[in-house]
């Protein structure tokens, strides 16, 4: 939490401050970064993006008091944070004014059209996150989802529109490349690899490193001692796929597959009148094309198989499983969707160290909060279903 607040979010707050202050926003050092409104639009969209990650990990967090100079900030309820994030992602894109484009924009090079599409797509993902609570909050998620679907700003629904961090390499390397710098014990999980092999899913050969045309995943959740023993007897285990770990490999943030699967789920929930099966199949095709494995005959066989086709029922299980696959290696989004949808079924590791021995559903608050901000911390944990543990649930993760 501290890293996100002190680094990315603190910078964004400064951009917002400088571009709203009557005295500062006219300074050449400020206006040289683009028009005030364009800078504000980008900063507010990114602020919503990072705060969504923070609240999805911890639940109730300091939001309205965050980075305001308040020494003991209150923890806003996640319901209120989400309500404001959805508002921000509607209001911020409307600020783009056609003035000087934002400088130093490594995502979209100042292209307002792409920023609006990104904001809309993120807003759709967050709206669907409310699915288990929507009836309690006046159908806010359903309303916002329909609003974004109808928005002329559009959505990320083609691979050419995928949002990704374009790591250039050199001084700014893909994080996976850096993780492998000096060590080799990161690997694709057997849970994912074995599921994909069972489905005859060709993406497995991109997600994992193949040895003699076989991707051998590592059992997840092992203790260090057990892992070392396992690896010593399985030297042919598969690391993360080579295409994902080069120093300039793209780091996907939102993809067409994710948005199409979200739309398929919304249609299945009755939130929209779209065709769930069509969107679902389009999503799988988009993901296969994204990873360069699309073959028409293999795709036709895949979407017609009993494990994949939603025509045979178990619609949410199948949509959830395809989201889990398509989001790889975006761990934050994958974890959030698994917690919300419950699919695929994943068996907890026998080596779990938490009290319940179940898969964690949230991060525990930083220990310093207990002594530095105790009254607000106590108020926050009183609202958490399961308390301040890894087994507690954030608000949208309704049991």
Protein backbone atom coordinates (compact mmCIF):
# COMPACT_ATOMS: atom_id res chain seq x y z
CA UNK A 1 0.00 0.00 0.00
CA UNK A 2 2.77 2.41 0.97
CA UNK A 3 4.58 1.92 -2.36
CA UNK A 4 1.49 2.67 -4.43
CA UNK A 5 0.58 5.70 -2.33
CA UNK A 6 4.06 7.16 -2.02
CA UNK A 7 5.20 6.57 -5.57
CA UNK A 8 2.65 6.44 -8.36
CA UNK A 9 -0.23 8.13 -6.56
CA UNK A 10 1.83 10.88 -4.96
CA UNK A 11 3.07 11.93 -8.41
CA UNK A 12 -0.48 11.94 -9.77
CA UNK A 13 -1.71 14.05 -6.85
CA UNK A 14 1.03 16.58 -7.60
CA UNK A 15 -0.04 16.77 -11.24
CA UNK A 16 -3.63 17.38 -10.16
CA UNK A 17 -2.55 20.00 -7.61
CA UNK A 18 -0.35 21.91 -10.03
CA UNK A 19 -2.95 21.90 -12.79
CA UNK A 20 -5.80 23.11 -10.59
CA UNK A 21 -3.98 25.78 -8.56
CA UNK A 22 -4.63 29.24 -10.08
CA UNK A 23 -1.05 30.25 -9.29
CA UNK A 24 0.72 27.09 -10.42
CA UNK A 25 -1.23 26.01 -13.48
CA UNK A 26 0.01 28.97 -15.53
CA UNK A 27 3.69 28.31 -14.83
CA UNK A 28 5.74 27.37 -17.91
CA UNK A 29 7.04 24.30 -16.08
CA UNK A 30 3.43 23.11 -15.78
CA UNK A 31 1.99 24.12 -19.16
CA UNK A 32 4.97 22.58 -20.96
CA UNK A 33 3.54 19.18 -19.99
CA UNK A 34 0.37 19.75 -22.01
CA UNK A 35 -2.82 21.71 -21.47
CA UNK A 36 -4.04 21.82 -17.88
CA UNK A 37 -7.21 19.90 -18.69
CA UNK A 38 -5.39 17.21 -20.65
CA UNK A 39 -2.95 16.66 -17.79
CA UNK A 40 -5.83 16.51 -15.33
CA UNK A 41 -7.70 14.00 -17.46
CA UNK A 42 -4.73 11.63 -17.64
CA UNK A 43 -3.84 12.03 -13.96
CA UNK A 44 -7.39 11.37 -12.78
CA UNK A 45 -7.74 8.28 -14.97
CA UNK A 46 -4.46 6.86 -13.68
CA UNK A 47 -5.38 7.78 -10.12
CA UNK A 48 -8.54 5.69 -10.51
CA UNK A 49 -6.52 2.83 -12.00
CA UNK A 50 -4.07 2.69 -9.09
CA UNK A 51 -6.69 3.20 -6.37
CA UNK A 52 -8.72 0.34 -7.86
CA UNK A 53 -5.69 -1.90 -7.31
CA UNK A 54 -5.21 -0.64 -3.76
CA UNK A 55 -8.81 -1.16 -2.68
CA UNK A 56 -9.05 -4.53 -4.44
CA UNK A 57 -6.07 -5.74 -2.43
CA UNK A 58 -7.00 -4.35 1.01
CA UNK A 59 -10.66 -3.35 0.91
CA UNK A 60 -11.36 -0.20 2.94
CA UNK A 61 -8.36 2.14 2.61
CA UNK A 62 -7.57 5.83 3.06
CA UNK A 63 -9.01 7.50 -0.03
CA UNK A 64 -10.61 10.90 0.61
CA UNK A 65 -7.84 11.72 3.13
CA UNK A 66 -5.04 10.04 1.19
CA UNK A 67 -1.97 12.18 0.47
CA UNK A 68 -3.76 15.21 1.87
CA UNK A 69 -1.40 15.85 4.75
CA UNK A 70 -3.77 14.26 7.28
CA UNK A 71 -1.55 12.35 9.71
CA UNK A 72 -4.18 9.78 10.67
CA UNK A 73 -6.38 9.38 7.58
CA UNK A 74 -9.72 7.67 7.86
CA UNK A 75 -10.37 4.48 5.90
CA UNK A 76 -13.13 5.00 3.34
CA UNK A 77 -15.56 2.14 2.82
CA UNK A 78 -14.86 0.25 -0.38
CA UNK A 79 -18.43 0.84 -1.51
CA UNK A 80 -17.81 4.59 -1.39
CA UNK A 81 -14.42 4.27 -3.07
CA UNK A 82 -15.90 2.31 -5.93
CA UNK A 83 -18.73 4.80 -6.33
CA UNK A 84 -16.19 7.60 -6.66
CA UNK A 85 -13.89 5.65 -8.98
CA UNK A 86 -16.79 5.07 -11.37
CA UNK A 87 -17.58 8.79 -11.22
CA UNK A 88 -13.95 9.75 -11.83
CA UNK A 89 -13.69 7.48 -14.86
CA UNK A 90 -16.73 9.20 -16.35
CA UNK A 91 -15.71 12.78 -15.56
CA UNK A 92 -11.99 12.63 -16.28
CA UNK A 93 -12.19 11.76 -20.01
CA UNK A 94 -14.61 14.65 -20.51
CA UNK A 95 -11.80 17.05 -19.53
CA UNK A 96 -9.77 16.49 -22.70
CA UNK A 97 -9.95 19.84 -24.45
CA UNK A 98 -8.11 19.55 -27.74
CA UNK A 99 -5.25 21.66 -26.42
CA UNK A 100 -1.59 20.67 -26.22
CA UNK A 101 -1.26 16.90 -25.80
CA UNK A 102 0.29 15.49 -22.64
CA UNK A 103 4.04 15.14 -22.94
CA UNK A 104 5.97 12.08 -21.82
CA UNK A 105 2.94 9.81 -22.20
CA UNK A 106 4.40 6.32 -22.58
CA UNK A 107 1.02 4.59 -22.91
CA UNK A 108 -0.75 6.54 -25.63
CA UNK A 109 1.58 9.38 -26.64
CA UNK A 110 -1.03 11.96 -25.70
CA UNK A 111 -3.80 10.44 -27.83
CA UNK A 112 -7.04 11.51 -26.11
CA UNK A 113 -9.11 8.98 -28.07
CA UNK A 114 -7.08 6.10 -26.65
CA UNK A 115 -7.23 7.52 -23.13
CA UNK A 116 -11.02 7.76 -23.33
CA UNK A 117 -11.28 4.19 -24.56
CA UNK A 118 -9.00 3.00 -21.74
CA UNK A 119 -11.03 4.88 -19.11
CA UNK A 120 -14.26 3.44 -20.48
CA UNK A 121 -12.90 -0.10 -20.48
CA UNK A 122 -11.54 0.19 -16.95
CA UNK A 123 -14.89 1.61 -15.83
CA UNK A 124 -16.66 -1.40 -17.34
CA UNK A 125 -14.34 -3.84 -15.50
CA UNK A 126 -14.91 -2.06 -12.18
CA UNK A 127 -18.68 -1.90 -12.73
CA UNK A 128 -18.78 -5.68 -13.16
CA UNK A 129 -16.73 -6.07 -9.97
CA UNK A 130 -19.91 -5.03 -8.13
CA UNK A 131 -21.99 -7.94 -9.45
CA UNK A 132 -22.50 -9.64 -6.06
CA UNK A 133 -23.47 -6.37 -4.36
CA UNK A 134 -25.36 -4.67 -7.16
CA UNK A 135 -28.85 -5.24 -5.79
CA UNK A 136 -27.80 -3.58 -2.52
CA UNK A 137 -26.53 -0.40 -4.20
CA UNK A 138 -29.35 0.48 -6.55
CA UNK A 139 -27.94 -1.53 -9.49
CA UNK A 140 -25.05 0.90 -9.83
CA UNK A 141 -22.85 -1.69 -11.55
CA UNK A 142 -25.49 -2.64 -14.10
CA UNK A 143 -26.29 1.00 -14.82
CA UNK A 144 -22.66 1.99 -15.30
CA UNK A 145 -21.94 -1.09 -17.40
CA UNK A 146 -24.76 -0.24 -19.80
CA UNK A 147 -23.63 3.38 -19.89
CA UNK A 148 -20.08 2.47 -20.87
CA UNK A 149 -21.30 -0.05 -23.44
CA UNK A 150 -23.29 2.71 -25.14
CA UNK A 151 -20.56 5.34 -24.86
CA UNK A 152 -19.31 6.80 -28.17
CA UNK A 153 -15.79 6.74 -26.69
CA UNK A 154 -15.76 3.00 -27.37
CA UNK A 155 -14.10 0.06 -25.65
CA UNK A 156 -10.99 -2.05 -26.02
CA UNK A 157 -12.53 -4.82 -28.11
CA UNK A 158 -9.88 -5.33 -30.78
CA UNK A 159 -6.30 -6.46 -30.17
CA UNK A 160 -5.04 -3.38 -31.97
CA UNK A 161 -6.53 -1.40 -29.07
CA UNK A 162 -5.00 -3.46 -26.24
CA UNK A 163 -3.56 -1.36 -23.44
CA UNK A 164 -0.06 -2.36 -22.42
CA UNK A 165 3.09 -0.98 -20.88
CA UNK A 166 5.61 -0.85 -23.75
CA UNK A 167 8.82 -1.64 -21.89
CA UNK A 168 11.69 -0.37 -24.06
CA UNK A 169 14.37 -2.53 -22.48
CA UNK A 170 17.73 -1.13 -21.45
CA UNK A 171 17.21 0.96 -18.32
CA UNK A 172 13.48 0.15 -18.26
CA UNK A 173 13.02 -3.60 -18.46
CA UNK A 174 9.94 -5.78 -18.25
CA UNK A 175 9.50 -6.88 -14.59
CA UNK A 176 9.53 -10.57 -15.55
CA UNK A 177 12.94 -10.11 -17.17
CA UNK A 178 14.20 -8.50 -13.97
CA UNK A 179 12.80 -11.31 -11.82
CA UNK A 180 14.81 -13.83 -13.82
CA UNK A 181 17.95 -11.72 -13.57
CA UNK A 182 20.12 -13.86 -11.28
CA UNK A 183 17.60 -16.62 -10.51
CA UNK A 184 15.66 -19.25 -12.43
CA UNK A 185 13.08 -20.62 -9.99
CA UNK A 186 10.04 -18.72 -11.25
CA UNK A 187 7.76 -21.00 -13.23
CA UNK A 188 4.33 -21.50 -14.68
CA UNK A 189 2.00 -23.16 -12.18
CA UNK A 190 0.96 -26.74 -12.77
CA UNK A 191 -2.59 -25.65 -11.92
CA UNK A 192 -2.72 -23.45 -15.01
CA UNK A 193 -0.52 -25.58 -17.28
CA UNK A 194 -2.39 -28.82 -16.57
CA UNK A 195 -5.79 -27.17 -17.03
CA UNK A 196 -4.75 -25.75 -20.40
CA UNK A 197 -3.31 -29.08 -21.53
CA UNK A 198 -6.57 -30.79 -20.52
CA UNK A 199 -8.38 -28.26 -22.71
CA UNK A 200 -5.85 -28.71 -25.57
CA UNK A 201 -5.29 -24.96 -25.34
CA UNK A 202 -2.34 -23.86 -27.52
CA UNK A 203 -1.73 -20.76 -25.37
CA UNK A 204 0.03 -23.01 -22.86
CA UNK A 205 3.02 -23.20 -25.21
CA UNK A 206 3.37 -19.41 -25.01
CA UNK A 207 2.62 -19.05 -21.31
CA UNK A 208 5.18 -21.68 -20.31
CA UNK A 209 8.59 -22.69 -21.57
CA UNK A 210 8.33 -25.97 -23.48
CA UNK A 211 10.91 -28.77 -23.22
CA UNK A 212 10.56 -31.37 -25.98
CA UNK A 213 7.18 -29.78 -26.78
CA UNK A 214 5.97 -30.30 -23.21
CA UNK A 215 5.12 -27.59 -20.69
CA UNK A 216 5.71 -28.92 -17.18
CA UNK A 217 4.24 -26.67 -14.52
CA UNK A 218 5.42 -26.50 -10.92
CA UNK A 219 2.98 -27.42 -8.12
CA UNK A 220 1.95 -24.19 -6.47
CA UNK A 221 2.10 -23.26 -2.81
CA UNK A 222 5.01 -25.49 -1.85
CA UNK A 223 7.25 -24.66 1.08
CA UNK A 224 10.80 -23.69 0.14
CA UNK A 225 12.17 -27.05 1.31
CA UNK A 226 9.61 -29.07 -0.62
CA UNK A 227 10.03 -26.85 -3.69
CA UNK A 228 13.80 -27.34 -3.72
CA UNK A 229 13.37 -31.11 -3.47
CA UNK A 230 10.78 -31.13 -6.25
CA UNK A 231 12.90 -28.99 -8.57
CA UNK A 232 16.00 -31.12 -8.03
CA UNK A 233 14.04 -34.11 -9.32
CA UNK A 234 12.31 -32.22 -12.12
CA UNK A 235 14.98 -30.25 -13.92
CA UNK A 236 12.74 -30.03 -16.99
CA UNK A 237 10.19 -27.81 -15.25
CA UNK A 238 8.89 -24.91 -17.33
CA UNK A 239 9.75 -21.34 -16.56
CA UNK A 240 7.45 -18.53 -17.74
CA UNK A 241 7.32 -18.50 -21.54
CA UNK A 242 10.24 -16.81 -23.34
CA UNK A 243 8.00 -14.33 -25.16
CA UNK A 244 6.78 -12.98 -21.82
CA UNK A 245 10.15 -12.48 -20.18
CA UNK A 246 12.22 -10.56 -22.71
CA UNK A 247 13.32 -7.16 -21.45
CA UNK A 248 11.01 -5.38 -23.89
CA UNK A 249 7.99 -7.71 -23.68
CA UNK A 250 4.68 -5.80 -23.44
CA UNK A 251 2.97 -5.78 -20.06
CA UNK A 252 -0.77 -6.03 -20.75
CA UNK A 253 -3.11 -3.85 -18.68
CA UNK A 254 -6.46 -4.28 -20.44
CA UNK A 255 -7.06 -6.49 -23.46
CA UNK A 256 -9.85 -7.10 -25.94
CA UNK A 257 -10.26 -10.63 -24.54
CA UNK A 258 -10.86 -9.29 -21.03
CA UNK A 259 -13.46 -6.78 -22.18
CA UNK A 260 -15.26 -9.24 -24.45
CA UNK A 261 -15.42 -11.79 -21.60
CA UNK A 262 -16.74 -9.08 -19.28
CA UNK A 263 -19.44 -8.29 -21.80
CA UNK A 264 -20.24 -12.00 -22.12
CA UNK A 265 -20.64 -12.26 -18.36
CA UNK A 266 -22.80 -9.14 -18.21
CA UNK A 267 -25.06 -10.58 -20.91
CA UNK A 268 -25.31 -13.86 -18.98
CA UNK A 269 -26.25 -11.89 -15.86
CA UNK A 270 -29.03 -10.15 -17.77
CA UNK A 271 -27.31 -6.78 -17.52
CA UNK A 272 -27.36 -6.31 -21.29
CA UNK A 273 -29.19 -7.70 -24.32
CA UNK A 274 -25.95 -8.78 -26.04
CA UNK A 275 -25.32 -12.37 -27.10
CA UNK A 276 -23.18 -14.00 -24.41
CA UNK A 277 -22.06 -16.95 -26.55
CA UNK A 278 -20.95 -14.76 -29.43
CA UNK A 279 -18.95 -12.46 -27.15
CA UNK A 280 -17.43 -15.42 -25.33
CA UNK A 281 -16.24 -17.03 -28.57
CA UNK A 282 -14.92 -13.72 -29.86
CA UNK A 283 -12.98 -13.30 -26.61
CA UNK A 284 -11.27 -16.67 -26.98
CA UNK A 285 -10.37 -15.86 -30.58
CA UNK A 286 -8.99 -12.47 -29.54
CA UNK A 287 -6.83 -14.09 -26.85
CA UNK A 288 -5.49 -16.73 -29.23
CA UNK A 289 -4.67 -14.01 -31.75
CA UNK A 290 -3.09 -11.85 -29.05
CA UNK A 291 -0.65 -14.65 -28.24
CA UNK A 292 -0.09 -15.67 -31.85
CA UNK A 293 -1.58 -19.18 -31.68
CA UNK A 294 -4.78 -18.77 -33.69
CA UNK A 295 -5.62 -21.56 -36.12
CA UNK A 296 -9.17 -21.66 -37.46
CA UNK A 297 -9.61 -25.44 -37.39
CA UNK A 298 -8.13 -25.79 -33.88
CA UNK A 299 -10.24 -22.85 -32.68
CA UNK A 300 -13.44 -24.36 -34.09
CA UNK A 301 -12.72 -27.63 -32.29
CA UNK A 302 -11.85 -25.83 -29.06
CA UNK A 303 -14.99 -23.66 -28.79
CA UNK A 304 -17.19 -26.65 -29.67
CA UNK A 305 -15.71 -28.90 -26.97
CA UNK A 306 -17.84 -29.75 -23.94
CA UNK A 307 -15.31 -28.20 -21.55
CA UNK A 308 -15.41 -24.86 -23.36
CA UNK A 309 -18.73 -24.34 -25.12
CA UNK A 310 -21.26 -22.44 -23.02
CA UNK A 311 -24.09 -23.96 -25.05
CA UNK A 312 -23.90 -26.97 -22.75
CA UNK A 313 -24.46 -24.96 -19.56
CA UNK A 314 -22.21 -24.01 -16.62
CA UNK A 315 -21.93 -20.60 -18.23
CA UNK A 316 -20.30 -18.72 -15.34
CA UNK A 317 -17.80 -21.51 -14.65
CA UNK A 318 -16.68 -21.45 -18.25
CA UNK A 319 -16.54 -17.65 -18.52
CA UNK A 320 -14.63 -17.49 -15.23
CA UNK A 321 -12.15 -20.13 -16.37
CA UNK A 322 -11.54 -18.39 -19.69
CA UNK A 323 -10.99 -15.08 -17.87
CA UNK A 324 -8.49 -16.78 -15.59
CA UNK A 325 -6.60 -18.05 -18.62
CA UNK A 326 -6.86 -14.89 -20.75
CA UNK A 327 -5.68 -12.58 -17.97
CA UNK A 328 -2.36 -14.41 -17.54
CA UNK A 329 0.13 -13.11 -16.44
CA UNK A 330 -1.86 -10.15 -15.01
CA UNK A 331 -1.95 -11.52 -11.47
CA UNK A 332 -3.91 -8.64 -9.90
CA UNK A 333 -6.81 -8.88 -12.34
CA UNK A 334 -6.75 -12.67 -12.33
CA UNK A 335 -6.91 -12.82 -8.53
CA UNK A 336 -9.73 -10.28 -8.38
CA UNK A 337 -11.83 -12.15 -10.94
CA UNK A 338 -11.20 -15.50 -9.24
CA UNK A 339 -12.29 -14.08 -5.87
CA UNK A 340 -15.43 -12.58 -7.33
CA UNK A 341 -16.52 -15.41 -9.64
CA UNK A 342 -15.09 -18.41 -7.80
CA UNK A 343 -13.91 -20.09 -10.98
CA UNK A 344 -12.00 -22.15 -11.76
CA UNK A 345 -12.08 -24.29 -8.65
CA UNK A 346 -8.60 -24.22 -7.15
CA UNK A 347 -7.64 -26.55 -4.32
CA UNK A 348 -5.72 -24.83 -1.51
CA UNK A 349 -2.17 -25.97 -0.90
CA UNK A 350 -1.53 -28.33 1.99
CA UNK A 351 1.38 -26.09 2.99
CA UNK A 352 -0.80 -23.03 3.67
CA UNK A 353 0.30 -21.05 6.74
CA UNK A 354 -2.88 -19.03 7.35
CA UNK A 355 -5.34 -20.17 10.01
CA UNK A 356 -8.08 -21.33 7.63
CA UNK A 357 -5.64 -23.02 5.21
CA UNK A 358 -7.66 -21.47 2.39
CA UNK A 359 -6.42 -19.35 -0.53
CA UNK A 360 -5.93 -15.72 0.62
CA UNK A 361 -8.67 -13.28 -0.35
CA UNK A 362 -7.06 -9.99 0.64
CA UNK A 363 -3.84 -8.43 1.91
CA UNK A 364 -3.46 -7.65 5.61
CA UNK A 365 -3.00 -3.97 6.51
CA UNK A 366 0.58 -2.79 7.15
CA UNK A 367 1.43 -3.50 10.84
CA UNK A 368 2.42 0.14 11.42
CA UNK A 369 -1.22 1.16 11.03
CA UNK A 370 -2.06 -0.56 14.32
CA UNK A 371 0.14 1.85 16.25
CA UNK A 372 0.15 4.95 14.03
CA UNK A 373 -3.52 5.09 13.05
CA UNK A 374 -5.24 2.77 15.50
CA UNK A 375 -8.71 4.31 15.81
CA UNK A 376 -9.19 4.43 12.05
CA UNK A 377 -7.63 0.99 11.67
CA UNK A 378 -10.04 -0.43 14.28
CA UNK A 379 -13.00 1.13 12.51
CA UNK A 380 -11.88 -0.37 9.20
CA UNK A 381 -11.35 -3.93 10.48
CA UNK A 382 -14.75 -3.88 12.17
CA UNK A 383 -16.26 -3.69 8.69
CA UNK A 384 -14.22 -6.52 7.14
CA UNK A 385 -15.97 -9.84 6.75
CA UNK A 386 -13.39 -12.08 8.45
CA UNK A 387 -11.27 -9.33 10.03
CA UNK A 388 -7.79 -8.10 9.16
CA UNK A 389 -6.50 -11.43 7.93
CA UNK A 390 -5.72 -12.96 4.57
CA UNK A 391 -9.00 -14.83 4.95
CA UNK A 392 -11.04 -11.64 5.34
CA UNK A 393 -13.05 -10.43 2.36
CA UNK A 394 -13.14 -7.06 0.71
CA UNK A 395 -16.65 -5.62 0.41
CA UNK A 396 -17.39 -6.65 -3.19
CA UNK A 397 -16.16 -10.22 -2.46
CA UNK A 398 -19.49 -11.26 -0.95
CA UNK A 399 -19.64 -14.83 0.28
